[in-house]
Amino acid sequence: MIRRAIAFTAVVLGLWLPRPPLAAAEPGGDEADLRRLNADYVRSFLACDVGRFKALLADDFQCVLATGQSIDRAEFLRQAAQPPDARNFRLRAVSIRVYGDAAVISAEGTYLRASGAEVHTRYTNLCIRRDGRWRVVSTQWTRVAGP
């Protein structure tokens, strides 16, 4: 039932667009592939690696920032090119749920701003597999009071 709901949502949102071809999935199965994708996503954020983000994000990617603002792929990439105000980033409670050709990755992140303020967030990535490759089609960030 959940698999159908996610697939239906993806179709309604127009997420079934072809992706640029990339190398075949690495050994280890879907969960291993998605763990690598998630690690690349976080590393790309911290390193301002727009090139890698271009490979990770679907063409119709959408993001809801912790402020509630919704941005498209182009704006996300523009913002990703700016160094984040995030020091000492720690990731925990990574959860990966696979539903056929769709998957949900969620995790908690904690970091320090340059001001010394500690920030706690949760994020959820919706991923879709096309031509054997996983792509992030949607991200939502939420600030939380603490771990």
Protein backbone atom coordinates (compact mmCIF):
# COMPACT_ATOMS: atom_id res chain seq x y z
CA MET A 1 0.00 0.00 0.00
CA ILE A 2 2.81 2.44 0.89
CA ARG A 3 4.66 1.50 -2.29
CA ARG A 4 1.59 2.37 -4.36
CA ALA A 5 1.11 5.66 -2.51
CA ILE A 6 4.71 6.74 -3.17
CA ALA A 7 4.51 5.65 -6.82
CA PHE A 8 1.22 7.50 -7.26
CA THR A 9 2.68 10.63 -5.65
CA ALA A 10 5.69 10.46 -7.95
CA VAL A 11 3.48 10.17 -11.03
CA VAL A 12 1.21 13.01 -9.91
CA LEU A 13 4.21 15.25 -9.23
CA GLY A 14 5.68 14.46 -12.63
CA LEU A 15 8.77 12.77 -11.25
CA TRP A 16 9.02 10.10 -13.95
CA LEU A 17 11.37 11.98 -16.28
CA PRO A 18 14.43 10.35 -17.83
CA ARG A 19 17.79 10.94 -16.16
CA PRO A 20 21.15 11.47 -17.72
CA PRO A 21 23.00 8.16 -18.06
CA LEU A 22 25.59 7.36 -15.40
CA ALA A 23 27.55 4.27 -14.44
CA ALA A 24 25.64 1.20 -13.29
CA ALA A 25 24.80 0.72 -9.62
CA GLU A 26 27.58 -0.52 -7.40
CA PRO A 27 27.44 -3.93 -5.69
CA GLY A 28 25.66 -4.16 -2.35
CA GLY A 29 22.02 -3.72 -3.24
CA ASP A 30 19.61 -0.84 -2.96
CA GLU A 31 20.30 0.02 0.66
CA ALA A 32 24.07 0.21 0.05
CA ASP A 33 23.50 2.37 -3.07
CA LEU A 34 21.21 4.69 -1.12
CA ARG A 35 23.66 4.94 1.80
CA ARG A 36 26.34 6.03 -0.69
CA LEU A 37 23.91 8.51 -2.26
CA ASN A 38 23.11 9.94 1.17
CA ALA A 39 26.78 10.20 2.13
CA ASP A 40 27.49 11.94 -1.21
CA TYR A 41 24.56 14.31 -0.63
CA VAL A 42 25.89 15.37 2.79
CA ARG A 43 29.49 15.59 1.56
CA SER A 44 28.37 17.67 -1.43
CA PHE A 45 26.52 20.04 0.90
CA LEU A 46 29.55 20.53 3.14
CA ALA A 47 32.01 20.83 0.20
CA CYS A 48 29.79 23.03 -2.03
CA ASP A 49 30.17 20.34 -4.71
CA VAL A 50 27.59 21.55 -7.23
CA GLY A 51 28.91 19.16 -9.87
CA ARG A 52 28.17 16.15 -7.69
CA PHE A 53 24.76 17.54 -6.75
CA LYS A 54 23.95 17.79 -10.47
CA ALA A 55 24.51 14.03 -10.71
CA LEU A 56 22.53 13.26 -7.54
CA LEU A 57 19.45 15.40 -8.15
CA ALA A 58 16.67 14.67 -10.62
CA ASP A 59 15.97 17.35 -13.22
CA ASP A 60 12.66 18.15 -11.54
CA PHE A 61 14.10 18.17 -8.00
CA GLN A 62 12.26 20.28 -5.41
CA CYS A 63 13.36 21.24 -1.91
CA VAL A 64 11.56 22.63 1.12
CA LEU A 65 14.03 24.48 3.29
CA ALA A 66 13.84 24.60 7.09
CA THR A 67 12.29 28.08 6.71
CA GLY A 68 9.38 26.57 4.76
CA GLN A 69 10.52 28.14 1.48
CA SER A 70 10.14 25.84 -1.55
CA ILE A 71 12.91 26.01 -4.15
CA ASP A 72 13.60 24.25 -7.44
CA ARG A 73 16.76 22.49 -8.60
CA ALA A 74 18.34 25.62 -10.11
CA GLU A 75 17.93 27.62 -6.90
CA PHE A 76 19.12 24.68 -4.79
CA LEU A 77 22.29 24.42 -6.91
CA ARG A 78 22.82 28.19 -6.68
CA GLN A 79 22.57 28.01 -2.89
CA ALA A 80 24.70 24.86 -2.74
CA ALA A 81 27.58 26.78 -4.33
CA GLN A 82 27.73 29.04 -1.25
CA PRO A 83 29.78 27.77 1.71
CA PRO A 84 27.37 26.58 4.42
CA ASP A 85 27.45 28.10 7.87
CA ALA A 86 27.90 24.60 9.29
CA ARG A 87 30.86 23.40 11.32
CA ASN A 88 31.32 20.04 12.98
CA PHE A 89 28.41 18.42 11.11
CA ARG A 90 27.30 15.16 12.73
CA LEU A 91 24.84 12.81 11.08
CA ARG A 92 22.84 10.22 13.00
CA ALA A 93 19.69 8.13 12.94
CA VAL A 94 19.89 7.50 9.18
CA SER A 95 16.87 5.53 8.04
CA ILE A 96 16.47 4.06 4.56
CA ARG A 97 13.21 2.52 3.39
CA VAL A 98 12.98 1.07 -0.11
CA TYR A 99 9.67 0.63 -1.94
CA GLY A 100 10.59 -0.87 -5.29
CA ASP A 101 11.85 1.99 -7.46
CA ALA A 102 11.18 4.59 -4.76
CA ALA A 103 12.95 5.13 -1.45
CA VAL A 104 12.80 7.44 1.53
CA ILE A 105 15.98 8.48 3.34
CA SER A 106 15.68 10.36 6.60
CA ALA A 107 18.31 11.44 9.07
CA GLU A 108 19.15 13.85 11.83
CA GLY A 109 21.99 16.32 11.58
CA THR A 110 23.61 18.54 14.19
CA TYR A 111 26.12 21.28 13.47
CA LEU A 112 27.53 24.53 14.79
CA ARG A 113 27.12 27.90 13.12
CA ALA A 114 30.08 30.29 13.01
CA SER A 115 28.36 32.17 15.85
CA GLY A 116 28.65 29.04 18.02
CA ALA A 117 24.91 28.34 17.96
CA GLU A 118 24.10 24.65 17.74
CA VAL A 119 21.54 23.65 15.10
CA HIS A 120 19.55 20.42 15.01
CA THR A 121 17.76 19.39 11.83
CA ARG A 122 15.97 16.46 10.32
CA TYR A 123 15.78 15.90 6.60
CA THR A 124 13.90 13.55 4.35
CA ASN A 125 14.93 12.73 0.79
CA LEU A 126 12.55 11.04 -1.64
CA CYS A 127 14.54 9.07 -4.21
CA ILE A 128 13.43 7.45 -7.45
CA ARG A 129 15.32 4.81 -9.45
CA ARG A 130 15.47 5.34 -13.22
CA ASP A 131 17.58 3.28 -15.60
CA GLY A 132 19.17 1.54 -12.62
CA ARG A 133 20.32 4.76 -10.89
CA TRP A 134 18.91 6.48 -7.83
CA ARG A 135 18.19 10.23 -7.93
CA VAL A 136 16.90 12.58 -5.25
CA VAL A 137 13.61 14.12 -6.40
CA SER A 138 12.59 15.88 -3.21
CA THR A 139 14.21 17.06 0.01
CA GLN A 140 12.63 18.58 3.08
CA TRP A 141 14.65 20.08 5.94
CA THR A 142 13.08 20.70 9.36
CA ARG A 143 14.70 22.43 12.34
CA VAL A 144 14.13 20.72 15.65
CA ALA A 145 14.67 21.90 19.22
CA GLY A 146 17.39 19.35 20.03
CA PRO A 147 18.55 15.79 19.66
